[in-house]
């Protein structure tokens, strides 16, 4: 387990419990040591609940970025069957930061698209840490066109710090590709359900999250810019990221109140990173529920409802 900065007290308790069990395994005072370890386990559980009871926005940001949180690949492997990936944008190449293809969800044909960050150093570099290039968004457009042509629902899994800002990406039309992907979301006449499973950063996330239903895991974040980037611009000091996280209103709870998202998926105690299988199953249940809500809506109603949803977004804050 990788412990976050604010989880240090928990790490100490769990570390001591592990040490006691290691001593108990040697047979000396095993019963008494096991009792002490069990008591520490109970203390750790209480500490965990207390730590996660009221996380502030910055701590939620750290949890959303936790390297052990389940990523797109794990969701696809657990929730979908017969996944057939599509590669390339038919213009430049394939972007490994974006996974996507045809699959079955609860035995129903769908198209699934998501950002993949990778789980170790090698795969994170291969996946560009989940930061998509233009070809990734153009691959997503290809998949959405296929979904529209064959009447397949689209499920997107969002987990990116933002679109890749490199020189090559800009030369190949990064902004245009993001805009086209967002436009495509508004044009297709099939249900779109989007789940923000970790980070939802800037336009790189919006391009996949312009959906009929937007879900967020309890400790995920969704914002126009990272807290560090915001702090660098507003205060010329990236160390003010805690204040920026507060000001950005990037938590699922804030965004639900603002009407930006539709539903919050509760995470098990300690976050999705501690209970991967349970968290993935909960996401699957909510996706199924959202698809059921959208079933029966015809093409025109889906497109019109989606457009109105985003055109009206923010009207609450303007007093409309």
Protein backbone atom coordinates (compact mmCIF):
# COMPACT_ATOMS: atom_id res chain seq x y z
CA UNK A 1 0.00 0.00 0.00
CA UNK A 2 1.23 3.46 -0.93
CA UNK A 3 0.42 5.92 1.86
CA UNK A 4 -0.41 9.54 1.16
CA UNK A 5 1.06 12.43 3.11
CA UNK A 6 -1.95 12.77 5.44
CA UNK A 7 -2.12 9.00 6.02
CA UNK A 8 1.14 8.84 7.99
CA UNK A 9 -0.56 8.12 11.36
CA UNK A 10 -2.39 5.23 9.71
CA UNK A 11 0.84 3.94 8.17
CA UNK A 12 2.47 3.86 11.63
CA UNK A 13 -0.37 1.84 13.15
CA UNK A 14 -0.60 -0.64 10.29
CA UNK A 15 3.17 -0.96 10.23
CA UNK A 16 3.24 -1.87 13.93
CA UNK A 17 0.48 -4.45 13.41
CA UNK A 18 2.50 -6.04 10.62
CA UNK A 19 5.62 -6.15 12.81
CA UNK A 20 3.71 -7.86 15.61
CA UNK A 21 2.36 -10.48 13.22
CA UNK A 22 5.86 -11.08 11.90
CA UNK A 23 7.04 -11.73 15.47
CA UNK A 24 4.02 -13.93 16.16
CA UNK A 25 4.85 -16.06 13.14
CA UNK A 26 8.09 -17.01 14.87
CA UNK A 27 6.07 -18.66 17.62
CA UNK A 28 7.14 -16.63 20.67
CA UNK A 29 4.08 -15.34 22.54
CA UNK A 30 2.07 -15.75 19.37
CA UNK A 31 -1.37 -15.52 21.02
CA UNK A 32 -0.64 -12.30 22.92
CA UNK A 33 1.04 -10.72 19.91
CA UNK A 34 -1.90 -11.61 17.67
CA UNK A 35 -4.29 -9.98 20.16
CA UNK A 36 -2.19 -6.80 20.15
CA UNK A 37 -2.12 -6.82 16.35
CA UNK A 38 -5.91 -7.25 16.21
CA UNK A 39 -6.34 -4.29 18.57
CA UNK A 40 -4.11 -2.22 16.30
CA UNK A 41 -6.22 -3.32 13.30
CA UNK A 42 -9.34 -1.96 15.01
CA UNK A 43 -7.53 1.26 15.80
CA UNK A 44 -6.39 1.52 12.17
CA UNK A 45 -9.93 1.03 10.89
CA UNK A 46 -11.19 3.83 13.13
CA UNK A 47 -8.29 6.05 12.08
CA UNK A 48 -9.08 5.35 8.42
CA UNK A 49 -12.75 6.28 8.84
CA UNK A 50 -11.77 9.45 10.64
CA UNK A 51 -9.24 10.49 8.00
CA UNK A 52 -11.68 9.99 5.13
CA UNK A 53 -14.78 11.34 6.89
CA UNK A 54 -14.24 14.96 5.85
CA UNK A 55 -11.42 15.23 3.33
CA UNK A 56 -10.66 18.77 2.24
CA UNK A 57 -10.35 19.52 -1.51
CA UNK A 58 -6.56 19.19 -1.55
CA UNK A 59 -6.62 15.82 0.19
CA UNK A 60 -9.30 14.67 -2.25
CA UNK A 61 -6.95 15.72 -5.05
CA UNK A 62 -4.22 13.53 -3.57
CA UNK A 63 -6.62 10.59 -3.28
CA UNK A 64 -7.84 11.09 -6.86
CA UNK A 65 -4.22 10.84 -8.02
CA UNK A 66 -3.38 7.85 -5.84
CA UNK A 67 -1.25 5.44 -7.92
CA UNK A 68 -3.15 2.42 -6.56
CA UNK A 69 -6.61 3.60 -7.63
CA UNK A 70 -8.18 1.35 -10.27
CA UNK A 71 -7.48 2.66 -13.76
CA UNK A 72 -9.35 2.41 -17.04
CA UNK A 73 -7.76 -0.91 -18.05
CA UNK A 74 -8.88 -2.53 -14.80
CA UNK A 75 -12.45 -1.29 -15.23
CA UNK A 76 -12.56 -2.61 -18.79
CA UNK A 77 -11.19 -6.00 -17.77
CA UNK A 78 -13.64 -6.35 -14.88
CA UNK A 79 -16.85 -4.87 -16.30
CA UNK A 80 -16.69 -5.58 -20.02
CA UNK A 81 -16.44 -8.75 -22.07
CA UNK A 82 -15.31 -9.34 -25.65
CA UNK A 83 -13.37 -6.06 -25.61
CA UNK A 84 -11.98 -5.42 -29.09
CA UNK A 85 -9.68 -2.38 -29.08
CA UNK A 86 -9.47 0.07 -31.94
CA UNK A 87 -6.08 1.64 -32.67
CA UNK A 88 -5.04 4.76 -34.53
CA UNK A 89 -6.71 7.88 -35.87
CA UNK A 90 -6.11 7.19 -39.61
CA UNK A 91 -4.09 10.40 -39.77
CA UNK A 92 -0.94 10.15 -37.65
CA UNK A 93 -0.76 7.15 -35.33
CA UNK A 94 -2.07 5.49 -32.19
CA UNK A 95 -2.24 7.20 -28.81
CA UNK A 96 -1.70 4.75 -25.97
CA UNK A 97 -3.05 7.24 -23.38
CA UNK A 98 -6.53 6.50 -24.77
CA UNK A 99 -8.06 3.03 -24.65
CA UNK A 100 -11.17 2.36 -26.64
CA UNK A 101 -13.05 -0.23 -28.57
CA UNK A 102 -16.15 -2.36 -28.97
CA UNK A 103 -17.24 -4.50 -26.02
CA UNK A 104 -20.17 -5.98 -24.19
CA UNK A 105 -21.47 -4.54 -20.93
CA UNK A 106 -23.90 -6.88 -19.16
CA UNK A 107 -24.02 -8.71 -22.50
CA UNK A 108 -25.09 -5.51 -24.28
CA UNK A 109 -22.95 -4.25 -27.18
CA UNK A 110 -21.37 -0.88 -26.33
CA UNK A 111 -18.42 1.33 -27.17
CA UNK A 112 -16.07 2.07 -24.27
CA UNK A 113 -13.44 4.85 -24.28
CA UNK A 114 -11.13 5.96 -21.49
CA UNK A 115 -7.86 7.51 -20.38
CA UNK A 116 -5.27 5.03 -19.12
CA UNK A 117 -2.44 6.26 -16.85
CA UNK A 118 -0.54 3.01 -16.36
CA UNK A 119 0.36 1.22 -13.13
CA UNK A 120 4.18 1.28 -13.01
CA UNK A 121 6.99 3.43 -14.37
CA UNK A 122 7.26 1.62 -17.69
CA UNK A 123 3.53 1.58 -18.41
CA UNK A 124 3.06 5.18 -17.23
CA UNK A 125 5.65 6.36 -19.73
CA UNK A 126 4.06 4.19 -22.42
CA UNK A 127 0.63 5.67 -21.59
CA UNK A 128 2.04 9.21 -21.27
CA UNK A 129 0.56 9.37 -17.75
CA UNK A 130 -2.96 9.50 -19.19
CA UNK A 131 -2.36 12.73 -21.11
CA UNK A 132 -3.83 12.28 -24.56
CA UNK A 133 -2.42 13.73 -27.77
CA UNK A 134 -4.55 14.84 -30.76
CA UNK A 135 -4.55 11.34 -32.21
CA UNK A 136 -6.13 10.05 -29.01
CA UNK A 137 -9.08 12.40 -29.36
CA UNK A 138 -9.38 11.57 -33.05
CA UNK A 139 -9.41 7.88 -32.18
CA UNK A 140 -12.26 8.64 -29.77
CA UNK A 141 -14.12 10.44 -32.56
CA UNK A 142 -13.75 7.34 -34.78
CA UNK A 143 -15.23 5.22 -32.01
CA UNK A 144 -18.12 7.61 -31.41
CA UNK A 145 -18.89 7.59 -35.15
CA UNK A 146 -18.99 3.77 -35.03
CA UNK A 147 -21.29 3.88 -32.00
CA UNK A 148 -23.62 6.30 -33.75
CA UNK A 149 -23.68 4.24 -36.94
CA UNK A 150 -24.58 0.99 -35.17
CA UNK A 151 -26.73 2.43 -32.37
CA UNK A 152 -24.38 1.47 -29.52
CA UNK A 153 -24.27 3.31 -26.17
CA UNK A 154 -20.97 5.03 -25.36
CA UNK A 155 -19.35 4.64 -21.93
CA UNK A 156 -16.37 6.85 -21.12
CA UNK A 157 -13.95 6.52 -18.21
CA UNK A 158 -12.21 9.81 -17.45
CA UNK A 159 -8.87 9.88 -15.63
CA UNK A 160 -6.43 12.49 -16.90
CA UNK A 161 -4.54 15.47 -15.51
CA UNK A 162 -5.29 17.12 -18.87
CA UNK A 163 -4.46 16.89 -22.55
CA UNK A 164 -0.75 16.65 -23.35
CA UNK A 165 0.69 20.20 -23.82
CA UNK A 166 3.80 19.21 -25.80
CA UNK A 167 5.03 20.97 -28.91
CA UNK A 168 4.26 18.05 -31.22
CA UNK A 169 0.71 17.80 -29.90
CA UNK A 170 0.15 21.50 -30.52
CA UNK A 171 1.60 21.23 -34.01
CA UNK A 172 -0.83 18.41 -34.81
CA UNK A 173 -3.86 20.40 -33.65
CA UNK A 174 -4.45 19.56 -30.00
CA UNK A 175 -7.10 22.22 -29.39
CA UNK A 176 -8.93 21.42 -32.61
CA UNK A 177 -8.97 17.70 -31.80
CA UNK A 178 -10.40 18.34 -28.31
CA UNK A 179 -13.04 20.66 -29.75
CA UNK A 180 -14.00 18.12 -32.42
CA UNK A 181 -14.32 15.35 -29.81
CA UNK A 182 -16.54 17.57 -27.64
CA UNK A 183 -18.61 18.47 -30.70
CA UNK A 184 -18.96 14.80 -31.61
CA UNK A 185 -20.31 14.04 -28.13
CA UNK A 186 -23.05 16.59 -28.77
CA UNK A 187 -23.88 15.20 -32.21
CA UNK A 188 -24.28 11.45 -31.79
CA UNK A 189 -27.75 10.07 -31.20
CA UNK A 190 -26.91 7.29 -28.75
CA UNK A 191 -26.73 7.34 -24.93
CA UNK A 192 -23.45 8.56 -23.43
CA UNK A 193 -22.55 7.79 -19.81
CA UNK A 194 -19.32 9.22 -18.44
CA UNK A 195 -17.60 8.27 -15.17
CA UNK A 196 -14.80 10.36 -13.67
CA UNK A 197 -12.79 7.65 -11.93
CA UNK A 198 -9.79 9.74 -10.84
CA UNK A 199 -8.77 13.11 -12.25
CA UNK A 200 -10.90 15.06 -14.68
CA UNK A 201 -8.54 17.73 -15.91
CA UNK A 202 -9.56 20.61 -18.19
CA UNK A 203 -10.66 20.21 -21.81
CA UNK A 204 -8.87 16.89 -22.00
CA UNK A 205 -11.59 15.53 -19.71
CA UNK A 206 -14.52 17.49 -21.15
CA UNK A 207 -13.89 15.90 -24.57
CA UNK A 208 -14.94 12.55 -23.06
CA UNK A 209 -17.39 13.84 -20.45
CA UNK A 210 -19.89 15.77 -22.57
CA UNK A 211 -22.43 13.11 -21.74
CA UNK A 212 -26.11 12.51 -20.96
CA UNK A 213 -25.14 11.34 -17.49
CA UNK A 214 -21.91 12.30 -15.68
CA UNK A 215 -20.92 10.26 -12.65
CA UNK A 216 -18.04 10.86 -10.25
CA UNK A 217 -16.44 8.61 -7.71
CA UNK A 218 -16.67 10.16 -4.27
CA UNK A 219 -12.98 11.08 -4.05
CA UNK A 220 -12.37 11.99 -7.70
CA UNK A 221 -11.90 15.57 -8.93
CA UNK A 222 -13.04 17.51 -11.99
CA UNK A 223 -11.75 21.00 -12.76
CA UNK A 224 -10.75 23.47 -15.44
CA UNK A 225 -7.12 23.40 -14.29
CA UNK A 226 -4.99 21.59 -11.73
CA UNK A 227 -4.63 23.23 -8.29
CA UNK A 228 -0.90 23.69 -8.92
CA UNK A 229 -1.53 25.34 -12.28
CA UNK A 230 -4.19 27.60 -10.82
CA UNK A 231 -1.90 28.64 -7.95
CA UNK A 232 0.94 29.38 -10.37
CA UNK A 233 -1.30 31.69 -12.40
CA UNK A 234 -3.17 33.46 -9.60
CA UNK A 235 -0.48 33.71 -6.94
CA UNK A 236 2.69 32.96 -8.92
CA UNK A 237 3.32 30.25 -6.36
CA UNK A 238 2.53 26.57 -6.99
CA UNK A 239 2.82 25.93 -3.23
CA UNK A 240 -0.56 27.63 -2.75
CA UNK A 241 -2.23 24.59 -4.31
CA UNK A 242 -4.30 23.97 -1.17
CA UNK A 243 -5.95 27.37 -1.44
CA UNK A 244 -6.43 26.83 -5.18
CA UNK A 245 -8.06 23.43 -4.64
CA UNK A 246 -10.53 25.06 -2.28
CA UNK A 247 -11.33 27.87 -4.70
CA UNK A 248 -11.74 25.62 -7.75
CA UNK A 249 -14.73 23.73 -6.30
CA UNK A 250 -13.35 20.56 -7.87
CA UNK A 251 -14.83 17.92 -5.57
CA UNK A 252 -17.71 15.65 -6.52
CA UNK A 253 -19.78 17.11 -3.68
CA UNK A 254 -19.32 20.71 -4.90
CA UNK A 255 -19.96 19.79 -8.53
CA UNK A 256 -23.16 17.93 -7.66
CA UNK A 257 -24.45 21.05 -5.88
CA UNK A 258 -23.51 23.17 -8.90
CA UNK A 259 -25.31 20.81 -11.27
CA UNK A 260 -22.18 19.96 -13.26
CA UNK A 261 -22.46 16.24 -12.53
CA UNK A 262 -25.48 14.00 -12.05
CA UNK A 263 -24.49 11.44 -9.46
CA UNK A 264 -21.79 10.63 -6.87
CA UNK A 265 -20.65 7.02 -6.49
CA UNK A 266 -19.80 6.34 -2.85
CA UNK A 267 -16.39 4.77 -2.34
CA UNK A 268 -15.63 2.15 0.34
CA UNK A 269 -13.92 3.39 3.50
CA UNK A 270 -10.38 4.46 2.68
CA UNK A 271 -11.07 5.07 -1.02
CA UNK A 272 -11.19 2.99 -4.18
CA UNK A 273 -7.46 2.28 -3.93
CA UNK A 274 -8.03 0.07 -0.85
CA UNK A 275 -11.02 -1.81 -2.25
CA UNK A 276 -10.56 -2.08 -6.00
CA UNK A 277 -12.96 -4.92 -6.75
CA UNK A 278 -15.76 -3.44 -4.66
CA UNK A 279 -15.30 0.02 -6.19
CA UNK A 280 -15.28 -1.32 -9.75
CA UNK A 281 -18.46 -3.31 -9.05
CA UNK A 282 -20.18 -0.17 -7.69
CA UNK A 283 -19.24 1.75 -10.82
CA UNK A 284 -20.66 -1.05 -12.96
CA UNK A 285 -23.96 -0.94 -11.08
CA UNK A 286 -24.28 2.82 -11.53
CA UNK A 287 -23.45 2.67 -15.25
CA UNK A 288 -26.17 0.05 -15.68
CA UNK A 289 -28.66 2.24 -13.81
CA UNK A 290 -27.85 5.28 -15.94
CA UNK A 291 -28.16 3.33 -19.18
CA UNK A 292 -31.55 2.06 -18.01
CA UNK A 293 -32.67 5.68 -17.47
CA UNK A 294 -31.68 6.57 -21.03
CA UNK A 295 -33.18 3.52 -22.71
CA UNK A 296 -36.24 4.37 -24.75
CA UNK A 297 -35.17 7.92 -25.59
CA UNK A 298 -35.03 8.42 -29.34
CA UNK A 299 -32.17 10.04 -31.22
CA UNK A 300 -33.68 13.54 -31.32
CA UNK A 301 -34.49 13.59 -27.60
CA UNK A 302 -31.03 12.38 -26.65
CA UNK A 303 -29.27 15.05 -28.72
CA UNK A 304 -31.60 17.83 -27.62
CA UNK A 305 -31.42 16.87 -23.96
CA UNK A 306 -27.63 16.69 -24.03
CA UNK A 307 -27.28 20.06 -25.72
CA UNK A 308 -29.68 21.71 -23.29
CA UNK A 309 -27.87 20.15 -20.35
CA UNK A 310 -24.61 21.85 -21.27
CA UNK A 311 -26.10 25.09 -22.57
CA UNK A 312 -27.92 25.54 -19.25
CA UNK A 313 -24.93 24.59 -17.14
CA UNK A 314 -23.98 27.53 -14.97
CA UNK A 315 -27.33 29.24 -15.37
CA UNK A 316 -28.01 28.54 -11.71
CA UNK A 317 -25.08 30.75 -10.76
CA UNK A 318 -26.36 33.56 -13.02
CA UNK A 319 -29.72 33.59 -11.30
CA UNK A 320 -31.57 32.06 -14.26
